């Protein structure tokens, strides 16, 4: 792995850890039954959206993709990558 690849991988891991830590902090001690991941994602607070955007940006950069792809474009690219990799012997 090159240094650049390692840096991209580290950026994705950091963004994923940050998102997980924010969600875990929000869930708290789990004594409040209204504090669920479903409730959190349904509420879509700004800090959660920002954390997801950071992770999305890190992943797009790692793949060398533009950051403004639609969900359908992302799915199409991931499907093409999957087909390409599964076709290799």
PDB file of N, CA and C in Angstrom:
ATOM      1  N   UNK A   1       0.855  -1.170   0.000  1.00  0.00           N
ATOM      2  CA  UNK A   1       0.000   0.000   0.000  1.00  0.00           C
ATOM      3  C   UNK A   1       0.904   1.238   0.000  1.00  0.00           C
ATOM      4  N   UNK A   2       0.557   2.180  -0.829  1.00  0.00           N
ATOM      5  CA  UNK A   2       1.336   3.413  -0.889  1.00  0.00           C
ATOM      6  C   UNK A   2       0.970   4.322   0.274  1.00  0.00           C
ATOM      7  N   UNK A   3       1.802   5.327   0.485  1.00  0.00           N
ATOM      8  CA  UNK A   3       1.516   6.287   1.555  1.00  0.00           C
ATOM      9  C   UNK A   3       0.195   7.012   1.291  1.00  0.00           C
ATOM     10  N   UNK A   4      -0.041   7.378   0.039  1.00  0.00           N
ATOM     11  CA  UNK A   4      -1.287   8.075  -0.310  1.00  0.00           C
ATOM     12  C   UNK A   4      -2.500   7.185  -0.033  1.00  0.00           C
ATOM     13  N   UNK A   5      -2.404   5.910  -0.384  1.00  0.00           N
ATOM     14  CA  UNK A   5      -3.508   4.984  -0.126  1.00  0.00           C
ATOM     15  C   UNK A   5      -3.738   4.834   1.376  1.00  0.00           C
ATOM     16  N   UNK A   6      -2.644   4.767   2.124  1.00  0.00           N
ATOM     17  CA  UNK A   6      -2.757   4.644   3.574  1.00  0.00           C
ATOM     18  C   UNK A   6      -3.428   5.882   4.174  1.00  0.00           C
ATOM     19  N   UNK A   7      -3.111   7.048   3.647  1.00  0.00           N
ATOM     20  CA  UNK A   7      -3.729   8.284   4.138  1.00  0.00           C
ATOM     21  C   UNK A   7      -5.225   8.310   3.832  1.00  0.00           C
ATOM     22  N   UNK A   8      -5.606   7.840   2.636  1.00  0.00           N
ATOM     23  CA  UNK A   8      -7.023   7.784   2.285  1.00  0.00           C
ATOM     24  C   UNK A   8      -7.757   6.801   3.191  1.00  0.00           C
ATOM     25  N   UNK A   9      -7.140   5.666   3.421  1.00  0.00           N
ATOM     26  CA  UNK A   9      -7.732   4.647   4.289  1.00  0.00           C
ATOM     27  C   UNK A   9      -7.891   5.188   5.711  1.00  0.00           C
ATOM     28  N   UNK A  10      -6.894   5.905   6.187  1.00  0.00           N
ATOM     29  CA  UNK A  10      -6.944   6.494   7.519  1.00  0.00           C
ATOM     30  C   UNK A  10      -8.052   7.537   7.612  1.00  0.00           C
ATOM     31  N   UNK A  11      -8.231   8.331   6.562  1.00  0.00           N
ATOM     32  CA  UNK A  11      -9.283   9.356   6.560  1.00  0.00           C
ATOM     33  C   UNK A  11     -10.668   8.715   6.635  1.00  0.00           C
ATOM     34  N   UNK A  12     -10.866   7.618   5.908  1.00  0.00           N
ATOM     35  CA  UNK A  12     -12.155   6.920   5.955  1.00  0.00           C
ATOM     36  C   UNK A  12     -12.376   6.340   7.352  1.00  0.00           C
ATOM     37  N   UNK A  13     -11.343   5.705   7.899  1.00  0.00           N
ATOM     38  CA  UNK A  13     -11.469   5.111   9.233  1.00  0.00           C
ATOM     39  C   UNK A  13     -11.771   6.175  10.283  1.00  0.00           C
ATOM     40  N   UNK A  14     -11.098   7.318  10.194  1.00  0.00           N
ATOM     41  CA  UNK A  14     -11.311   8.400  11.162  1.00  0.00           C
ATOM     42  C   UNK A  14     -12.750   8.915  11.073  1.00  0.00           C
ATOM     43  N   UNK A  15     -13.230   9.143   9.861  1.00  0.00           N
ATOM     44  CA  UNK A  15     -14.598   9.652   9.688  1.00  0.00           C
ATOM     45  C   UNK A  15     -15.621   8.636  10.205  1.00  0.00           C
ATOM     46  N   UNK A  16     -15.371   7.359   9.974  1.00  0.00           N
ATOM     47  CA  UNK A  16     -16.287   6.313  10.456  1.00  0.00           C
ATOM     48  C   UNK A  16     -16.271   6.253  11.984  1.00  0.00           C
ATOM     49  N   UNK A  17     -15.084   6.338  12.584  1.00  0.00           N
ATOM     50  CA  UNK A  17     -14.984   6.331  14.056  1.00  0.00           C
ATOM     51  C   UNK A  17     -15.670   7.554  14.657  1.00  0.00           C
ATOM     52  N   UNK A  18     -15.496   8.712  14.025  1.00  0.00           N
ATOM     53  CA  UNK A  18     -16.135   9.934  14.516  1.00  0.00           C
ATOM     54  C   UNK A  18     -17.659   9.800  14.496  1.00  0.00           C
ATOM     55  N   UNK A  19     -18.187   9.278  13.398  1.00  0.00           N
ATOM     56  CA  UNK A  19     -19.629   9.078  13.280  1.00  0.00           C
ATOM     57  C   UNK A  19     -20.115   8.111  14.353  1.00  0.00           C
ATOM     58  N   UNK A  20     -19.411   7.013  14.523  1.00  0.00           N
ATOM     59  CA  UNK A  20     -19.805   6.027  15.531  1.00  0.00           C
ATOM     60  C   UNK A  20     -19.762   6.632  16.936  1.00  0.00           C
ATOM     61  N   UNK A  21     -18.730   7.413  17.235  1.00  0.00           N
ATOM     62  CA  UNK A  21     -18.613   8.033  18.559  1.00  0.00           C
ATOM     63  C   UNK A  21     -19.758   9.017  18.810  1.00  0.00           C
ATOM     64  N   UNK A  22     -20.116   9.792  17.814  1.00  0.00           N
ATOM     65  CA  UNK A  22     -21.223  10.741  17.965  1.00  0.00           C
ATOM     66  C   UNK A  22     -22.536  10.014  18.234  1.00  0.00           C
ATOM     67  N   UNK A  23     -22.780   8.950  17.473  1.00  0.00           N
ATOM     68  CA  UNK A  23     -24.013   8.183  17.673  1.00  0.00           C
ATOM     69  C   UNK A  23     -24.022   7.521  19.052  1.00  0.00           C
ATOM     70  N   UNK A  24     -22.894   6.957  19.446  1.00  0.00           N
ATOM     71  CA  UNK A  24     -22.794   6.301  20.749  1.00  0.00           C
ATOM     72  C   UNK A  24     -23.025   7.304  21.874  1.00  0.00           C
ATOM     73  N   UNK A  25     -22.435   8.483  21.758  1.00  0.00           N
ATOM     74  CA  UNK A  25     -22.644   9.532  22.767  1.00  0.00           C
ATOM     75  C   UNK A  25     -24.114   9.923  22.842  1.00  0.00           C
ATOM     76  N   UNK A  26     -24.768  10.036  21.708  1.00  0.00           N
ATOM     77  CA  UNK A  26     -26.171  10.431  21.688  1.00  0.00           C
ATOM     78  C   UNK A  26     -27.039   9.355  22.342  1.00  0.00           C
ATOM     79  N   UNK A  27     -26.686   8.104  22.122  1.00  0.00           N
ATOM     80  CA  UNK A  27     -27.466   7.018  22.710  1.00  0.00           C
ATOM     81  C   UNK A  27     -27.363   7.018  24.232  1.00  0.00           C
ATOM     82  N   UNK A  28     -26.252   7.525  24.756  1.00  0.00           N
ATOM     83  CA  UNK A  28     -26.084   7.641  26.201  1.00  0.00           C
ATOM     84  C   UNK A  28     -26.026   6.293  26.890  1.00  0.00           C
ATOM     85  N   UNK A  29     -26.595   6.242  28.078  1.00  0.00           N
ATOM     86  CA  UNK A  29     -26.512   5.018  28.880  1.00  0.00           C
ATOM     87  C   UNK A  29     -27.621   4.020  28.557  1.00  0.00           C
ATOM     88  N   UNK A  30     -28.391   4.315  27.562  1.00  0.00           N
ATOM     89  CA  UNK A  30     -29.442   3.434  27.054  1.00  0.00           C
ATOM     90  C   UNK A  30     -30.602   3.217  28.031  1.00  0.00           C
ATOM     91  N   UNK A  31     -30.749   4.088  29.031  1.00  0.00           N
ATOM     92  CA  UNK A  31     -31.897   3.970  29.937  1.00  0.00           C
ATOM     93  C   UNK A  31     -33.118   4.699  29.398  1.00  0.00           C
ATOM     94  N   UNK A  32     -32.918   5.553  28.422  1.00  0.00           N
ATOM     95  CA  UNK A  32     -34.024   6.295  27.807  1.00  0.00           C
ATOM     96  C   UNK A  32     -34.479   5.510  26.575  1.00  0.00           C
ATOM     97  N   UNK A  33     -35.655   4.894  26.638  1.00  0.00           N
ATOM     98  CA  UNK A  33     -36.106   4.059  25.525  1.00  0.00           C
ATOM     99  C   UNK A  33     -36.368   4.831  24.222  1.00  0.00           C
ATOM    100  N   UNK A  34     -36.443   6.159  24.314  1.00  0.00           N
ATOM    101  CA  UNK A  34     -36.659   6.942  23.092  1.00  0.00           C
ATOM    102  C   UNK A  34     -35.355   7.168  22.333  1.00  0.00           C
ATOM    103  N   UNK A  35     -34.230   6.876  22.961  1.00  0.00           N
ATOM    104  CA  UNK A  35     -32.913   7.079  22.333  1.00  0.00           C
ATOM    105  C   UNK A  35     -32.502   5.807  21.600  1.00  0.00           C
ATOM    106  N   UNK A  36     -32.932   5.724  20.340  1.00  0.00           N
ATOM    107  CA  UNK A  36     -32.579   4.594  19.489  1.00  0.00           C
ATOM    108  C   UNK A  36     -31.928   5.136  18.220  1.00  0.00           C
ATOM    109  N   UNK A  37     -31.201   4.277  17.527  1.00  0.00           N
ATOM    110  CA  UNK A  37     -30.611   4.702  16.256  1.00  0.00           C
ATOM    111  C   UNK A  37     -31.696   5.085  15.261  1.00  0.00           C
ATOM    112  N   UNK A  38     -32.804   4.388  15.294  1.00  0.00           N
ATOM    113  CA  UNK A  38     -33.909   4.727  14.392  1.00  0.00           C
ATOM    114  C   UNK A  38     -34.415   6.137  14.684  1.00  0.00           C
ATOM    115  N   UNK A  39     -34.626   6.436  15.960  1.00  0.00           N
ATOM    116  CA  UNK A  39     -35.094   7.780  16.326  1.00  0.00           C
ATOM    117  C   UNK A  39     -34.077   8.835  15.928  1.00  0.00           C
ATOM    118  N   UNK A  40     -32.814   8.534  16.147  1.00  0.00           N
ATOM    119  CA  UNK A  40     -31.765   9.482  15.792  1.00  0.00           C
ATOM    120  C   UNK A  40     -31.759   9.757  14.297  1.00  0.00           C
ATOM    121  N   UNK A  41     -31.773   8.704  13.501  1.00  0.00           N
ATOM    122  CA  UNK A  41     -31.704   8.894  12.051  1.00  0.00           C
ATOM    123  C   UNK A  41     -32.995   9.503  11.502  1.00  0.00           C
ATOM    124  N   UNK A  42     -34.114   9.225  12.131  1.00  0.00           N
ATOM    125  CA  UNK A  42     -35.358   9.867  11.709  1.00  0.00           C
ATOM    126  C   UNK A  42     -35.339  11.366  12.019  1.00  0.00           C
ATOM    127  N   UNK A  43     -34.707  11.743  13.125  1.00  0.00           N
ATOM    128  CA  UNK A  43     -34.629  13.161  13.509  1.00  0.00           C
ATOM    129  C   UNK A  43     -33.656  13.924  12.620  1.00  0.00           C
ATOM    130  N   UNK A  44     -32.639  13.253  12.126  1.00  0.00           N
ATOM    131  CA  UNK A  44     -31.640  13.833  11.231  1.00  0.00           C
ATOM    132  C   UNK A  44     -31.083  15.174  11.733  1.00  0.00           C
ATOM    133  N   UNK A  45     -30.508  15.187  12.945  1.00  0.00           N
ATOM    134  CA  UNK A  45     -29.922  16.443  13.422  1.00  0.00           C
ATOM    135  C   UNK A  45     -28.746  16.866  12.545  1.00  0.00           C
ATOM    136  N   UNK A  46     -28.460  18.153  12.553  1.00  0.00           N
ATOM    137  CA  UNK A  46     -27.394  18.687  11.708  1.00  0.00           C
ATOM    138  C   UNK A  46     -26.048  18.040  11.948  1.00  0.00           C
ATOM    139  N   UNK A  47     -25.717  17.778  13.216  1.00  0.00           N
ATOM    140  CA  UNK A  47     -24.409  17.169  13.513  1.00  0.00           C
ATOM    141  C   UNK A  47     -24.297  15.770  12.925  1.00  0.00           C
ATOM    142  N   UNK A  48     -25.420  15.036  12.872  1.00  0.00           N
ATOM    143  CA  UNK A  48     -25.397  13.701  12.279  1.00  0.00           C
ATOM    144  C   UNK A  48     -25.219  13.803  10.767  1.00  0.00           C
ATOM    145  N   UNK A  49     -25.930  14.730  10.147  1.00  0.00           N
ATOM    146  CA  UNK A  49     -25.791  14.928   8.709  1.00  0.00           C
ATOM    147  C   UNK A  49     -24.367  15.330   8.350  1.00  0.00           C
ATOM    148  N   UNK A  50     -23.753  16.191   9.166  1.00  0.00           N
ATOM    149  CA  UNK A  50     -22.375  16.620   8.913  1.00  0.00           C
ATOM    150  C   UNK A  50     -21.403  15.452   9.041  1.00  0.00           C
ATOM    151  N   UNK A  51     -21.620  14.598  10.026  1.00  0.00           N
ATOM    152  CA  UNK A  51     -20.744  13.436  10.207  1.00  0.00           C
ATOM    153  C   UNK A  51     -20.882  12.472   9.035  1.00  0.00           C
ATOM    154  N   UNK A  52     -22.097  12.247   8.570  1.00  0.00           N
ATOM    155  CA  UNK A  52     -22.306  11.388   7.395  1.00  0.00           C
ATOM    156  C   UNK A  52     -21.669  12.010   6.158  1.00  0.00           C
ATOM    157  N   UNK A  53     -21.791  13.323   6.016  1.00  0.00           N
ATOM    158  CA  UNK A  53     -21.188  14.006   4.864  1.00  0.00           C
ATOM    159  C   UNK A  53     -19.671  13.872   4.887  1.00  0.00           C
ATOM    160  N   UNK A  54     -19.073  13.949   6.056  1.00  0.00           N
ATOM    161  CA  UNK A  54     -17.616  13.780   6.170  1.00  0.00           C
ATOM    162  C   UNK A  54     -17.197  12.374   5.761  1.00  0.00           C
ATOM    163  N   UNK A  55     -17.956  11.388   6.208  1.00  0.00           N
ATOM    164  CA  UNK A  55     -17.650  10.007   5.827  1.00  0.00           C
ATOM    165  C   UNK A  55     -17.858   9.808   4.327  1.00  0.00           C
ATOM    166  N   UNK A  56     -18.950  10.328   3.799  1.00  0.00           N
ATOM    167  CA  UNK A  56     -19.210  10.220   2.357  1.00  0.00           C
ATOM    168  C   UNK A  56     -18.084  10.856   1.547  1.00  0.00           C
ATOM    169  N   UNK A  57     -17.622  12.011   1.989  1.00  0.00           N
ATOM    170  CA  UNK A  57     -16.550  12.708   1.285  1.00  0.00           C
ATOM    171  C   UNK A  57     -15.245  11.907   1.338  1.00  0.00           C
ATOM    172  N   UNK A  58     -14.931  11.338   2.489  1.00  0.00           N
ATOM    173  CA  UNK A  58     -13.705  10.544   2.623  1.00  0.00           C
ATOM    174  C   UNK A  58     -13.757   9.312   1.727  1.00  0.00           C
ATOM    175  N   UNK A  59     -14.910   8.665   1.666  1.00  0.00           N
ATOM    176  CA  UNK A  59     -15.060   7.471   0.828  1.00  0.00           C
ATOM    177  C   UNK A  59     -14.978   7.849  -0.645  1.00  0.00           C
ATOM    178  N   UNK A  60     -15.654   8.909  -1.046  1.00  0.00           N
ATOM    179  CA  UNK A  60     -15.605   9.350  -2.445  1.00  0.00           C
ATOM    180  C   UNK A  60     -14.168   9.679  -2.847  1.00  0.00           C
ATOM    181  N   UNK A  61     -13.452  10.373  -1.983  1.00  0.00           N
ATOM    182  CA  UNK A  61     -12.062  10.717  -2.266  1.00  0.00           C
ATOM    183  C   UNK A  61     -11.217   9.451  -2.400  1.00  0.00           C
ATOM    184  N   UNK A  62     -11.442   8.480  -1.529  1.00  0.00           N
ATOM    185  CA  UNK A  62     -10.684   7.221  -1.586  1.00  0.00           C
ATOM    186  C   UNK A  62     -10.920   6.490  -2.898  1.00  0.00           C
ATOM    187  N   UNK A  63     -12.140   6.552  -3.403  1.00  0.00           N
ATOM    188  CA  UNK A  63     -12.456   5.918  -4.679  1.00  0.00           C
ATOM    189  C   UNK A  63     -12.047   6.779  -5.875  1.00  0.00           C
ATOM    190  N   UNK A  64     -11.707   8.031  -5.626  1.00  0.00           N
ATOM    191  CA  UNK A  64     -11.371   8.932  -6.721  1.00  0.00           C
ATOM    192  C   UNK A  64     -12.599   9.436  -7.447  1.00  0.00           C
ATOM    193  N   UNK A  65     -13.716   9.481  -6.757  1.00  0.00           N
ATOM    194  CA  UNK A  65     -14.982   9.913  -7.333  1.00  0.00           C
ATOM    195  C   UNK A  65     -15.277  11.353  -6.937  1.00  0.00           C
ATOM    196  N   UNK A  66     -16.054  12.054  -7.761  1.00  0.00           N
ATOM    197  CA  UNK A  66     -16.487  13.394  -7.354  1.00  0.00           C
ATOM    198  C   UNK A  66     -17.430  13.286  -6.155  1.00  0.00           C
ATOM    199  N   UNK A  67     -17.476  14.304  -5.351  1.00  0.00           N
ATOM    200  CA  UNK A  67     -18.279  14.268  -4.142  1.00  0.00           C
ATOM    201  C   UNK A  67     -19.745  14.568  -4.337  1.00  0.00           C
ATOM    202  N   UNK A  68     -20.144  14.892  -5.556  1.00  0.00           N
ATOM    203  CA  UNK A  68     -21.534  15.305  -5.777  1.00  0.00           C
ATOM    204  C   UNK A  68     -22.354  14.244  -6.523  1.00  0.00           C
ATOM    205  N   UNK A  69     -21.969  12.980  -6.406  1.00  0.00           N
ATOM    206  CA  UNK A  69     -22.722  11.925  -7.072  1.00  0.00           C
ATOM    207  C   UNK A  69     -24.056  11.698  -6.371  1.00  0.00           C
ATOM    208  N   UNK A  70     -25.059  11.335  -7.149  1.00  0.00           N
ATOM    209  CA  UNK A  70     -26.352  10.977  -6.562  1.00  0.00           C
ATOM    210  C   UNK A  70     -26.254   9.560  -6.000  1.00  0.00           C
ATOM    211  N   UNK A  71     -27.219   9.192  -5.189  1.00  0.00           N
ATOM    212  CA  UNK A  71     -27.241   7.831  -4.649  1.00  0.00           C
ATOM    213  C   UNK A  71     -27.274   6.801  -5.781  1.00  0.00           C
ATOM    214  N   UNK A  72     -28.067   7.070  -6.821  1.00  0.00           N
ATOM    215  CA  UNK A  72     -28.147   6.138  -7.956  1.00  0.00           C
ATOM    216  C   UNK A  72     -26.801   6.003  -8.668  1.00  0.00           C
ATOM    217  N   UNK A  73     -26.073   7.102  -8.802  1.00  0.00           N
ATOM    218  CA  UNK A  73     -24.757   7.054  -9.445  1.00  0.00           C
ATOM    219  C   UNK A  73     -23.755   6.270  -8.585  1.00  0.00           C
ATOM    220  N   UNK A  74     -23.841   6.446  -7.291  1.00  0.00           N
ATOM    221  CA  UNK A  74     -22.955   5.708  -6.391  1.00  0.00           C
ATOM    222  C   UNK A  74     -23.237   4.211  -6.489  1.00  0.00           C
ATOM    223  N   UNK A  75     -24.500   3.846  -6.453  1.00  0.00           N
ATOM    224  CA  UNK A  75     -24.878   2.437  -6.550  1.00  0.00           C
ATOM    225  C   UNK A  75     -24.408   1.852  -7.876  1.00  0.00           C
ATOM    226  N   UNK A  76     -24.575   2.587  -8.968  1.00  0.00           N
ATOM    227  CA  UNK A  76     -24.134   2.104 -10.283  1.00  0.00           C
ATOM    228  C   UNK A  76     -22.623   1.896 -10.302  1.00  0.00           C
ATOM    229  N   UNK A  77     -21.868   2.802  -9.718  1.00  0.00           N
ATOM    230  CA  UNK A  77     -20.407   2.665  -9.682  1.00  0.00           C
ATOM    231  C   UNK A  77     -19.984   1.483  -8.807  1.00  0.00           C
ATOM    232  N   UNK A  78     -20.644   1.328  -7.671  1.00  0.00           N
ATOM    233  CA  UNK A  78     -20.307   0.202  -6.797  1.00  0.00           C
ATOM    234  C   UNK A  78     -20.656  -1.126  -7.465  1.00  0.00           C
ATOM    235  N   UNK A  79     -21.761  -1.174  -8.160  1.00  0.00           N
ATOM    236  CA  UNK A  79     -22.146  -2.392  -8.884  1.00  0.00           C
ATOM    237  C   UNK A  79     -21.124  -2.703  -9.970  1.00  0.00           C
ATOM    238  N   UNK A  80     -20.687  -1.681 -10.701  1.00  0.00           N
ATOM    239  CA  UNK A  80     -19.678  -1.888 -11.747  1.00  0.00           C
ATOM    240  C   UNK A  80     -18.368  -2.391 -11.143  1.00  0.00           C
ATOM    241  N   UNK A  81     -17.961  -1.832 -10.013  1.00  0.00           N
ATOM    242  CA  UNK A  81     -16.747  -2.307  -9.342  1.00  0.00           C
ATOM    243  C   UNK A  81     -16.900  -3.752  -8.893  1.00  0.00           C
ATOM    244  N   UNK A  82     -18.060  -4.078  -8.346  1.00  0.00           N
ATOM    245  CA  UNK A  82     -18.310  -5.440  -7.891  1.00  0.00           C
ATOM    246  C   UNK A  82     -18.240  -6.419  -9.063  1.00  0.00           C
ATOM    247  N   UNK A  83     -18.850  -6.057 -10.162  1.00  0.00           N
ATOM    248  CA  UNK A  83     -18.823  -6.932 -11.355  1.00  0.00           C
ATOM    249  C   UNK A  83     -17.401  -7.086 -11.880  1.00  0.00           C
ATOM    250  N   UNK A  84     -16.657  -5.995 -11.899  1.00  0.00           N
ATOM    251  CA  UNK A  84     -15.269  -6.020 -12.369  1.00  0.00           C
ATOM    252  C   UNK A  84     -14.417  -6.935 -11.490  1.00  0.00           C
ATOM    253  N   UNK A  85     -14.554  -6.790 -10.200  1.00  0.00           N
ATOM    254  CA  UNK A  85     -13.724  -7.582  -9.279  1.00  0.00           C
ATOM    255  C   UNK A  85     -14.153  -9.035  -9.232  1.00  0.00           C
ATOM    256  N   UNK A  86     -15.433  -9.306  -9.380  1.00  0.00           N
ATOM    257  CA  UNK A  86     -15.884 -10.702  -9.343  1.00  0.00           C
ATOM    258  C   UNK A  86     -15.546 -11.439 -10.640  1.00  0.00           C
ATOM    259  N   UNK A  87     -15.265 -10.706 -11.708  1.00  0.00           N
ATOM    260  CA  UNK A  87     -14.922 -11.333 -12.992  1.00  0.00           C
ATOM    261  C   UNK A  87     -13.463 -11.773 -13.049  1.00  0.00           C
ATOM    262  N   UNK A  88     -12.638 -11.278 -12.137  1.00  0.00           N
ATOM    263  CA  UNK A  88     -11.216 -11.641 -12.138  1.00  0.00           C
ATOM    264  C   UNK A  88     -11.073 -13.074 -11.630  1.00  0.00           C
ATOM    265  N   UNK A  89     -10.129 -13.823 -12.247  1.00  0.00           N
ATOM    266  CA  UNK A  89      -9.920 -15.225 -11.828  1.00  0.00           C
ATOM    267  C   UNK A  89      -9.354 -15.341 -10.434  1.00  0.00           C
TER     268      UNK A  89
END
